[in-house]
C-alpha atoms as a PDB file:
ATOM      1  CA  MET A   1    -122.369 -36.001 -80.978  1.00  0.00           C
ATOM      2  CA  LYS A   2    -126.149 -35.601 -81.017  1.00  0.00           C
ATOM      3  CA  LYS A   3    -126.087 -33.920 -77.638  1.00  0.00           C
ATOM      4  CA  GLN A   4    -123.350 -31.591 -78.831  1.00  0.00           C
ATOM      5  CA  LEU A   5    -125.341 -30.599 -81.913  1.00  0.00           C
ATOM      6  CA  LEU A   6    -128.443 -30.030 -79.819  1.00  0.00           C
ATOM      7  CA  ALA A   7    -126.432 -27.826 -77.480  1.00  0.00           C
ATOM      8  CA  ILE A   8    -124.985 -25.907 -80.426  1.00  0.00           C
ATOM      9  CA  ALA A   9    -128.449 -25.483 -81.960  1.00  0.00           C
ATOM     10  CA  ALA A  10    -129.752 -24.150 -78.657  1.00  0.00           C
ATOM     11  CA  LEU A  11    -126.847 -21.730 -78.510  1.00  0.00           C
ATOM     12  CA  VAL A  12    -127.539 -20.492 -82.038  1.00  0.00           C
ATOM     13  CA  GLY A  13    -131.208 -20.094 -81.184  1.00  0.00           C
ATOM     14  CA  ALA A  14    -130.330 -18.089 -78.101  1.00  0.00           C
ATOM     15  CA  ILE A  15    -127.975 -15.873 -80.092  1.00  0.00           C
ATOM     16  CA  LEU A  16    -130.541 -15.227 -82.792  1.00  0.00           C
ATOM     17  CA  SER A  17    -133.437 -14.661 -80.417  1.00  0.00           C
ATOM     18  CA  GLY A  18    -131.347 -12.272 -78.367  1.00  0.00           C
ATOM     19  CA  ALA A  19    -130.273 -10.371 -81.455  1.00  0.00           C
ATOM     20  CA  SER A  20    -133.780 -10.135 -82.879  1.00  0.00           C
ATOM     21  CA  ALA A  21    -135.344  -8.941 -79.639  1.00  0.00           C
ATOM     22  CA  GLN A  22    -133.250  -5.803 -79.342  1.00  0.00           C
ATOM     23  CA  ALA A  23    -133.680  -2.663 -81.403  1.00  0.00           C
ATOM     24  CA  THR A  24    -130.633  -1.685 -83.418  1.00  0.00           C
ATOM     25  CA  MET A  25    -129.828   1.819 -84.608  1.00  0.00           C
ATOM     26  CA  VAL A  26    -129.430   1.240 -88.342  1.00  0.00           C
ATOM     27  CA  ALA A  27    -128.412   4.814 -89.184  1.00  0.00           C
ATOM     28  CA  GLY A  28    -127.975   8.137 -87.430  1.00  0.00           C
ATOM     29  CA  TRP A  29    -126.915  11.677 -88.344  1.00  0.00           C
ATOM     30  CA  ASP A  30    -125.611  14.514 -86.184  1.00  0.00           C
ATOM     31  CA  HIS A  31    -124.794  16.603 -89.298  1.00  0.00           C
ATOM     32  CA  SER A  32    -121.302  17.359 -88.012  1.00  0.00           C
ATOM     33  CA  GLN A  33    -119.758  16.376 -91.365  1.00  0.00           C
ATOM     34  CA  TYR A  34    -120.770  19.681 -92.946  1.00  0.00           C
ATOM     35  CA  PHE A  35    -118.140  22.370 -93.475  1.00  0.00           C
ATOM     36  CA  GLY A  36    -120.043  25.130 -91.719  1.00  0.00           C
ATOM     37  CA  ASP A  37    -123.096  27.317 -91.349  1.00  0.00           C
ATOM     38  CA  GLY A  38    -125.237  27.700 -94.467  1.00  0.00           C
ATOM     39  CA  ALA A  39    -123.207  25.489 -96.797  1.00  0.00           C
ATOM     40  CA  LEU A  40    -124.232  22.069 -98.080  1.00  0.00           C
ATOM     41  CA  SER A  41    -120.593  21.071 -98.394  1.00  0.00           C
ATOM     42  CA  THR A  42    -118.473  18.496 -96.607  1.00  0.00           C
ATOM     43  CA  ASP A  43    -115.129  19.878 -97.734  1.00  0.00           C
ATOM     44  CA  GLY A  44    -115.637  23.639 -98.095  1.00  0.00           C
ATOM     45  CA  ALA A  45    -114.970  23.488-101.845  1.00  0.00           C
ATOM     46  CA  THR A  46    -117.691  21.394-103.494  1.00  0.00           C
ATOM     47  CA  TYR A  47    -121.396  21.170-102.766  1.00  0.00           C
ATOM     48  CA  THR A  48    -123.363  18.029-102.072  1.00  0.00           C
ATOM     49  CA  ASP A  49    -127.067  17.276-101.944  1.00  0.00           C
ATOM     50  CA  SER A  50    -126.737  14.060 -99.942  1.00  0.00           C
ATOM     51  CA  LEU A  51    -125.082  13.183 -96.641  1.00  0.00           C
ATOM     52  CA  PRO A  52    -123.996   9.716 -95.470  1.00  0.00           C
ATOM     53  CA  ALA A  53    -124.937   8.618 -91.968  1.00  0.00           C
ATOM     54  CA  ASN A  54    -122.126   8.929 -89.436  1.00  0.00           C
ATOM     55  CA  TYR A  55    -123.587   6.655 -86.759  1.00  0.00           C
ATOM     56  CA  SER A  56    -124.726   3.033 -87.034  1.00  0.00           C
ATOM     57  CA  SER A  57    -124.744   0.114 -84.643  1.00  0.00           C
ATOM     58  CA  LEU A  58    -123.944  -2.049 -87.667  1.00  0.00           C
ATOM     59  CA  ALA A  59    -120.707  -0.224 -88.511  1.00  0.00           C
ATOM     60  CA  PRO A  60    -117.301  -0.996 -87.017  1.00  0.00           C
ATOM     61  CA  ASN A  61    -117.072   0.932 -83.727  1.00  0.00           C
ATOM     62  CA  GLY A  62    -120.495   2.374 -84.460  1.00  0.00           C
ATOM     63  CA  LEU A  63    -119.570   5.782 -85.834  1.00  0.00           C
ATOM     64  CA  GLY A  64    -117.576   7.639 -88.458  1.00  0.00           C
ATOM     65  CA  PRO A  65    -117.405   7.206 -92.256  1.00  0.00           C
ATOM     66  CA  ALA A  66    -117.979   3.432 -92.042  1.00  0.00           C
ATOM     67  CA  ALA A  67    -121.540   4.169 -90.893  1.00  0.00           C
ATOM     68  CA  GLY A  68    -122.264   5.720 -94.283  1.00  0.00           C
ATOM     69  CA  ALA A  69    -122.890   2.267 -95.734  1.00  0.00           C
ATOM     70  CA  PHE A  70    -126.090   2.053 -93.703  1.00  0.00           C
ATOM     71  CA  GLY A  71    -127.788   5.372 -94.353  1.00  0.00           C
ATOM     72  CA  THR A  72    -128.002   8.526 -96.472  1.00  0.00           C
ATOM     73  CA  LEU A  73    -129.749  11.888 -96.178  1.00  0.00           C
ATOM     74  CA  TYR A  74    -131.221  12.903 -99.555  1.00  0.00           C
ATOM     75  CA  LEU A  75    -131.824  16.447-100.794  1.00  0.00           C
ATOM     76  CA  ASN A  76    -131.405  15.691-104.487  1.00  0.00           C
ATOM     77  CA  GLY A  77    -134.875  14.644-105.617  1.00  0.00           C
ATOM     78  CA  GLN A  78    -134.302  10.954-104.933  1.00  0.00           C
ATOM     79  CA  PHE A  79    -136.839   8.906-102.977  1.00  0.00           C
ATOM     80  CA  GLY A  80    -139.314  11.773-102.797  1.00  0.00           C
ATOM     81  CA  SER A  81    -136.918  14.358-101.406  1.00  0.00           C
ATOM     82  CA  SER A  82    -136.702  17.955-102.607  1.00  0.00           C
ATOM     83  CA  ASN A  83    -134.001  18.786-105.126  1.00  0.00           C
ATOM     84  CA  VAL A  84    -132.524  21.762-103.286  1.00  0.00           C
ATOM     85  CA  GLY A  85    -129.959  22.730-105.901  1.00  0.00           C
ATOM     86  CA  ALA A  86    -126.893  22.571-103.672  1.00  0.00           C
ATOM     87  CA  GLY A  87    -124.630  25.541-104.306  1.00  0.00           C
ATOM     88  CA  SER A  88    -127.389  27.708-105.729  1.00  0.00           C
ATOM     89  CA  GLY A  89    -127.420  30.001-102.719  1.00  0.00           C
ATOM     90  CA  VAL A  90    -131.180  29.594-102.309  1.00  0.00           C
ATOM     91  CA  GLU A  91    -131.339  26.092-100.834  1.00  0.00           C
ATOM     92  CA  PRO A  92    -134.405  25.699 -98.584  1.00  0.00           C
ATOM     93  CA  VAL A  93    -132.620  23.325 -96.183  1.00  0.00           C
ATOM     94  CA  LEU A  94    -129.164  24.088 -94.813  1.00  0.00           C
ATOM     95  CA  PRO A  95    -126.811  23.247 -91.946  1.00  0.00           C
ATOM     96  CA  THR A  96    -126.970  25.885 -89.250  1.00  0.00           C
ATOM     97  CA  ALA A  97    -124.771  27.035 -86.393  1.00  0.00           C
ATOM     98  CA  ALA A  98    -127.597  29.114 -84.909  1.00  0.00           C
ATOM     99  CA  LEU A  99    -128.818  28.397 -81.387  1.00  0.00           C
ATOM    100  CA  GLY A 100    -125.396  27.068 -80.448  1.00  0.00           C
ATOM    101  CA  GLY A 101    -125.151  24.770 -83.441  1.00  0.00           C
ATOM    102  CA  SER A 102    -126.039  21.229 -82.423  1.00  0.00           C
ATOM    103  CA  LEU A 103    -129.199  20.506 -80.484  1.00  0.00           C
ATOM    104  CA  THR A 104    -128.836  18.681 -77.192  1.00  0.00           C
ATOM    105  CA  SER A 105    -131.995  16.571 -77.206  1.00  0.00           C
ATOM    106  CA  ASN A 106    -131.781  12.917 -78.316  1.00  0.00           C
ATOM    107  CA  LEU A 107    -127.996  12.920 -77.913  1.00  0.00           C
ATOM    108  CA  ASN A 108    -128.003   9.480 -76.327  1.00  0.00           C
ATOM    109  CA  ALA A 109    -129.746   7.590 -79.130  1.00  0.00           C
ATOM    110  CA  PRO A 110    -126.634   5.787 -80.455  1.00  0.00           C
ATOM    111  CA  VAL A 111    -125.805   2.656 -78.475  1.00  0.00           C
ATOM    112  CA  VAL A 112    -123.317   0.141 -79.894  1.00  0.00           C
ATOM    113  CA  ASP A 113    -122.720  -3.237 -78.225  1.00  0.00           C
ATOM    114  CA  GLY A 114    -124.276  -1.885 -75.055  1.00  0.00           C
ATOM    115  CA  PHE A 115    -121.969   1.140 -74.935  1.00  0.00           C
ATOM    116  CA  LEU A 116    -123.108   4.711 -75.361  1.00  0.00           C
ATOM    117  CA  ASN A 117    -121.646   6.599 -78.321  1.00  0.00           C
ATOM    118  CA  PRO A 118    -123.651   9.818 -78.094  1.00  0.00           C
ATOM    119  CA  PHE A 119    -124.228  12.117 -81.021  1.00  0.00           C
ATOM    120  CA  ASP A 120    -121.579  14.862 -81.295  1.00  0.00           C
ATOM    121  CA  SER A 121    -118.864  12.466 -80.119  1.00  0.00           C
ATOM    122  CA  HIS A 122    -116.364  14.618 -81.940  1.00  0.00           C
ATOM    123  CA  VAL A 123    -113.192  13.046 -80.526  1.00  0.00           C
ATOM    124  CA  GLU A 124    -114.352   9.551 -81.431  1.00  0.00           C
ATOM    125  CA  LEU A 125    -115.544  10.682 -84.866  1.00  0.00           C
ATOM    126  CA  THR A 126    -112.112  12.138 -85.584  1.00  0.00           C
ATOM    127  CA  ILE A 127    -110.428   8.919 -84.452  1.00  0.00           C
ATOM    128  CA  GLU A 128    -112.689   6.964 -86.812  1.00  0.00           C
ATOM    129  CA  GLY A 129    -111.637   9.153 -89.747  1.00  0.00           C
ATOM    130  CA  GLN A 130    -114.350  11.793 -90.123  1.00  0.00           C
ATOM    131  CA  ALA A 131    -112.707  14.857 -91.689  1.00  0.00           C
ATOM    132  CA  LEU A 132    -114.918  17.557 -90.124  1.00  0.00           C
ATOM    133  CA  THR A 133    -116.623  17.580 -86.743  1.00  0.00           C
ATOM    134  CA  ASN A 134    -118.656  20.766 -86.464  1.00  0.00           C
ATOM    135  CA  SER A 135    -121.524  21.554 -84.127  1.00  0.00           C
ATOM    136  CA  LEU A 136    -124.350  21.895 -86.639  1.00  0.00           C
ATOM    137  CA  ALA A 137    -128.021  21.089 -87.054  1.00  0.00           C
ATOM    138  CA  MET A 138    -130.314  21.346 -90.091  1.00  0.00           C
ATOM    139  CA  THR A 139    -132.729  24.240 -90.571  1.00  0.00           C
ATOM    140  CA  ALA A 140    -135.466  24.856 -93.139  1.00  0.00           C
ATOM    141  CA  ILE A 141    -135.762  28.363 -94.521  1.00  0.00           C
ATOM    142  CA  GLY A 142    -138.198  27.268 -97.210  1.00  0.00           C
ATOM    143  CA  ALA A 143    -140.733  24.530 -97.864  1.00  0.00           C
ATOM    144  CA  ALA A 144    -138.901  21.267 -98.445  1.00  0.00           C
ATOM    145  CA  SER A 145    -138.947  17.490 -98.068  1.00  0.00           C
ATOM    146  CA  VAL A 146    -135.917  15.827 -96.481  1.00  0.00           C
ATOM    147  CA  VAL A 147    -135.465  12.054 -96.731  1.00  0.00           C
ATOM    148  CA  TYR A 148    -133.373  10.077 -94.251  1.00  0.00           C
ATOM    149  CA  ALA A 149    -132.844   6.530 -95.558  1.00  0.00           C
ATOM    150  CA  ALA A 150    -131.537   3.580 -93.524  1.00  0.00           C
ATOM    151  CA  ASP A 151    -130.379   0.287 -95.044  1.00  0.00           C
ATOM    152  CA  ALA A 152    -129.857  -2.607 -92.641  1.00  0.00           C
ATOM    153  CA  GLY A 153    -128.978  -5.168 -95.284  1.00  0.00           C
ATOM    154  CA  ILE A 154    -131.110  -7.781 -93.502  1.00  0.00           C
ATOM    155  CA  PRO A 155    -134.829  -7.794 -92.692  1.00  0.00           C
ATOM    156  CA  GLY A 156    -136.007  -5.717 -89.775  1.00  0.00           C
ATOM    157  CA  THR A 157    -139.304  -4.899 -88.130  1.00  0.00           C
ATOM    158  CA  ASP A 158    -140.614  -2.379 -85.599  1.00  0.00           C
ATOM    159  CA  TRP A 159    -138.922   0.557 -87.323  1.00  0.00           C
ATOM    160  CA  THR A 160    -138.663   3.658 -85.135  1.00  0.00           C
ATOM    161  CA  LEU A 161    -137.490   7.247 -85.489  1.00  0.00           C
ATOM    162  CA  THR A 162    -136.067   9.586 -82.856  1.00  0.00           C
ATOM    163  CA  PHE A 163    -134.706  13.106 -83.270  1.00  0.00           C
ATOM    164  CA  GLY A 164    -134.305  16.453 -81.576  1.00  0.00           C
ATOM    165  CA  ALA A 165    -136.074  19.547 -82.921  1.00  0.00           C
ATOM    166  CA  ARG A 166    -137.139  23.116 -82.194  1.00  0.00           C
ATOM    167  CA  THR A 167    -137.889  26.358 -83.983  1.00  0.00           C
ATOM    168  CA  GLN A 168    -135.733  29.445 -84.051  1.00  0.00           C
ATOM    169  CA  ILE A 169    -138.828  31.541 -83.309  1.00  0.00           C
ATOM    170  CA  GLY A 170    -142.470  30.772 -82.577  1.00  0.00           C
ATOM    171  CA  ALA A 171    -144.225  27.457 -83.080  1.00  0.00           C
ATOM    172  CA  SER A 172    -144.810  25.244 -86.101  1.00  0.00           C
ATOM    173  CA  SER A 173    -145.113  21.610 -87.059  1.00  0.00           C
ATOM    174  CA  ILE A 174    -143.386  19.130 -89.343  1.00  0.00           C
ATOM    175  CA  ALA A 175    -145.016  16.085 -90.904  1.00  0.00           C
ATOM    176  CA  ILE A 176    -143.335  12.661 -90.843  1.00  0.00           C
ATOM    177  CA  GLU A 177    -143.881   9.897 -93.397  1.00  0.00           C
ATOM    178  CA  PHE A 178    -142.438   6.394 -93.798  1.00  0.00           C
ATOM    179  CA  SER A 179    -141.742   4.102 -96.727  1.00  0.00           C
ATOM    180  CA  SER A 180    -140.035   0.737 -97.079  1.00  0.00           C
ATOM    181  CA  ASP A 181    -139.318   1.227-100.783  1.00  0.00           C
ATOM    182  CA  GLY A 182    -138.631   4.960-101.111  1.00  0.00           C
ATOM    183  CA  ALA A 183    -141.672   5.415-103.337  1.00  0.00           C
ATOM    184  CA  SER A 184    -144.916   4.835-101.448  1.00  0.00           C
ATOM    185  CA  TYR A 185    -145.031   6.879 -98.232  1.00  0.00           C
ATOM    186  CA  VAL A 186    -147.592   6.678 -95.455  1.00  0.00           C
ATOM    187  CA  PRO A 187    -148.174   9.395 -92.833  1.00  0.00           C
ATOM    188  CA  VAL A 188    -146.724   8.609 -89.406  1.00  0.00           C
ATOM    189  CA  GLY A 189    -147.476  11.723 -87.398  1.00  0.00           C
ATOM    190  CA  THR A 190    -146.824  15.400 -86.874  1.00  0.00           C
ATOM    191  CA  ALA A 191    -144.250  16.925 -84.538  1.00  0.00           C
ATOM    192  CA  SER A 192    -145.341  20.172 -82.920  1.00  0.00           C
ATOM    193  CA  LEU A 193    -142.240  22.307 -82.508  1.00  0.00           C
ATOM    194  CA  THR A 194    -141.647  25.221 -80.185  1.00  0.00           C
ATOM    195  CA  ALA A 195    -138.575  27.280 -79.347  1.00  0.00           C
ATOM    196  CA  VAL A 196    -137.672  24.635 -76.730  1.00  0.00           C
ATOM    197  CA  ASP A 197    -135.228  21.912 -77.784  1.00  0.00           C
ATOM    198  CA  THR A 198    -137.305  18.726 -77.522  1.00  0.00           C
ATOM    199  CA  ALA A 199    -136.779  15.030 -78.260  1.00  0.00           C
ATOM    200  CA  PHE A 200    -139.369  13.256 -80.425  1.00  0.00           C
ATOM    201  CA  SER A 201    -139.979   9.552 -80.958  1.00  0.00           C
ATOM    202  CA  TYR A 202    -142.210   7.769 -83.467  1.00  0.00           C
ATOM    203  CA  VAL A 203    -143.092   4.170 -84.265  1.00  0.00           C
ATOM    204  CA  LEU A 204    -142.764   4.020 -88.041  1.00  0.00           C
ATOM    205  CA  SER A 205    -143.852   0.549 -89.101  1.00  0.00           C
ATOM    206  CA  ALA A 206    -144.066  -3.077 -87.991  1.00  0.00           C
ATOM    207  CA  ALA A 207    -143.598  -4.269 -91.570  1.00  0.00           C
ATOM    208  CA  LEU A 208    -140.635  -6.501 -92.366  1.00  0.00           C
ATOM    209  CA  ALA A 209    -138.166  -4.645 -94.595  1.00  0.00           C
ATOM    210  CA  ASP A 210    -134.447  -4.283 -95.244  1.00  0.00           C
ATOM    211  CA  ARG A 211    -134.688  -0.516 -95.661  1.00  0.00           C
ATOM    212  CA  GLY A 212    -136.580   2.338 -94.097  1.00  0.00           C
ATOM    213  CA  PHE A 213    -137.147   5.789 -95.625  1.00  0.00           C
ATOM    214  CA  VAL A 214    -138.264   8.680 -93.428  1.00  0.00           C
ATOM    215  CA  ARG A 215    -139.550  11.787 -95.202  1.00  0.00           C
ATOM    216  CA  ILE A 216    -139.809  14.959 -93.140  1.00  0.00           C
ATOM    217  CA  LEU A 217    -141.910  17.755 -94.593  1.00  0.00           C
ATOM    218  CA  PHE A 218    -141.089  21.355 -93.683  1.00  0.00           C
ATOM    219  CA  ASP A 219    -143.737  23.911 -94.610  1.00  0.00           C
ATOM    220  CA  SER A 220    -143.391  26.713 -92.024  1.00  0.00           C
ATOM    221  CA  PRO A 221    -140.120  28.406 -92.988  1.00  0.00           C
ATOM    222  CA  GLU A 222    -141.030  31.612 -91.150  1.00  0.00           C
ATOM    223  CA  THR A 223    -140.309  29.807 -87.867  1.00  0.00           C
ATOM    224  CA  ALA A 224    -137.007  28.365 -89.195  1.00  0.00           C
ATOM    225  CA  PRO A 225    -137.508  24.837 -87.779  1.00  0.00           C
ATOM    226  CA  VAL A 226    -134.330  23.029 -86.735  1.00  0.00           C
ATOM    227  CA  ILE A 227    -133.754  19.259 -86.607  1.00  0.00           C
ATOM    228  CA  ASP A 228    -130.774  17.279 -85.346  1.00  0.00           C
ATOM    229  CA  ASN A 229    -129.614  13.943 -83.902  1.00  0.00           C
ATOM    230  CA  VAL A 230    -131.746  11.816 -86.206  1.00  0.00           C
ATOM    231  CA  ALA A 231    -131.763   8.065 -85.521  1.00  0.00           C
ATOM    232  CA  ILE A 232    -133.598   5.302 -87.392  1.00  0.00           C
ATOM    233  CA  SER A 233    -133.764   1.966 -85.603  1.00  0.00           C
ATOM    234  CA  ALA A 234    -135.272  -1.464 -86.215  1.00  0.00           C
ATOM    235  CA  THR A 235    -135.462  -4.893 -84.665  1.00  0.00           C
ATOM    236  CA  LEU A 236    -133.307  -6.932 -87.020  1.00  0.00           C
ATOM    237  CA  ILE A 237    -134.154 -10.537 -87.820  1.00  0.00           C
ATOM    238  CA  PRO A 238    -131.291 -12.669 -89.199  1.00  0.00           C
ATOM    239  CA  GLU A 239    -132.330 -14.689 -92.221  1.00  0.00           C
ATOM    240  CA  PRO A 240    -132.520 -18.505 -91.942  1.00  0.00           C
ATOM    241  CA  GLY A 241    -129.347 -18.769 -93.982  1.00  0.00           C
ATOM    242  CA  THR A 242    -127.492 -16.811 -91.320  1.00  0.00           C
ATOM    243  CA  ALA A 243    -128.644 -19.262 -88.670  1.00  0.00           C
ATOM    244  CA  LEU A 244    -127.541 -22.207 -90.808  1.00  0.00           C
ATOM    245  CA  LEU A 245    -124.115 -20.661 -91.293  1.00  0.00           C
ATOM    246  CA  LEU A 246    -123.751 -20.163 -87.564  1.00  0.00           C
ATOM    247  CA  LEU A 247    -124.917 -23.703 -86.890  1.00  0.00           C
ATOM    248  CA  SER A 248    -122.548 -25.152 -89.493  1.00  0.00           C
ATOM    249  CA  GLY A 249    -119.638 -23.119 -88.188  1.00  0.00           C
ATOM    250  CA  LEU A 250    -120.204 -24.103 -84.591  1.00  0.00           C
ATOM    251  CA  ALA A 251    -120.724 -27.738 -85.553  1.00  0.00           C
ATOM    252  CA  GLY A 252    -117.428 -27.646 -87.428  1.00  0.00           C
ATOM    253  CA  LEU A 253    -115.689 -26.216 -84.377  1.00  0.00           C
ATOM    254  CA  ALA A 254    -117.194 -28.941 -82.227  1.00  0.00           C
ATOM    255  CA  ALA A 255    -116.024 -31.642 -84.642  1.00  0.00           C
ATOM    256  CA  GLN A 256    -112.556 -30.155 -84.800  1.00  0.00           C
ATOM    257  CA  GLY A 257    -112.380 -30.088 -81.020  1.00  0.00           C
ATOM    258  CA  ARG A 258    -113.458 -33.706 -80.820  1.00  0.00           C
ATOM    259  CA  ARG A 259    -110.757 -34.770 -83.289  1.00  0.00           C
ATOM    260  CA  ARG A 260    -108.113 -32.954 -81.269  1.00  0.00           C
ATOM    261  CA  ALA A 261    -109.342 -34.672 -78.133  1.00  0.00           C
END
């Protein structure tokens, strides 16, 4: 029995160490849920100033509405975002179909269970229940702060951000900030954008946190910066209680097997 428990404990340790060593995409957005160009609406009738994530390695099958439990884009004044006044007709940040709609850089960020589920996987998104699957990105036509929030539900470290971006004309930059509580942000870096679709990657924080908030600051609207395929990832660390549950469950299975024998 002791040898069996030791073997089970080693197995649990291997499972947990393997899980904690690999970065997990907590939340991702390809903005395809929007109704169309220039409208902050996901149904064509009502306006919204937030957008659930539609990709997450923590969601069943990794994409679709179920991913919304793990992330939200805020444009409503929450967590330091701008309150854009969705439906006002003068929103500074909007979905855009310009430049072919979706950007093509950082498409391959979503990986679920070792399988690639690239951004703009419109067939798979439809199968998973997403109502709209349009080729759209986000553009800033005014100064604004956009917050992408990811919620893993368990502690994570080594938070990272990847996205694709460009301008519609000329060159400009966007500032990136990170917070683990949605209140106190620290500068992470600045992305220098050109008219070339480019992938960007940033290490956000090594702090242990359940949630990560990324604030992107647009202040050069004359260049009409465009962002798409946003992914927030972290190395997740199961809590001790999770390990104990796994150990107890496996021990119970071992005991049940021994009784049957």
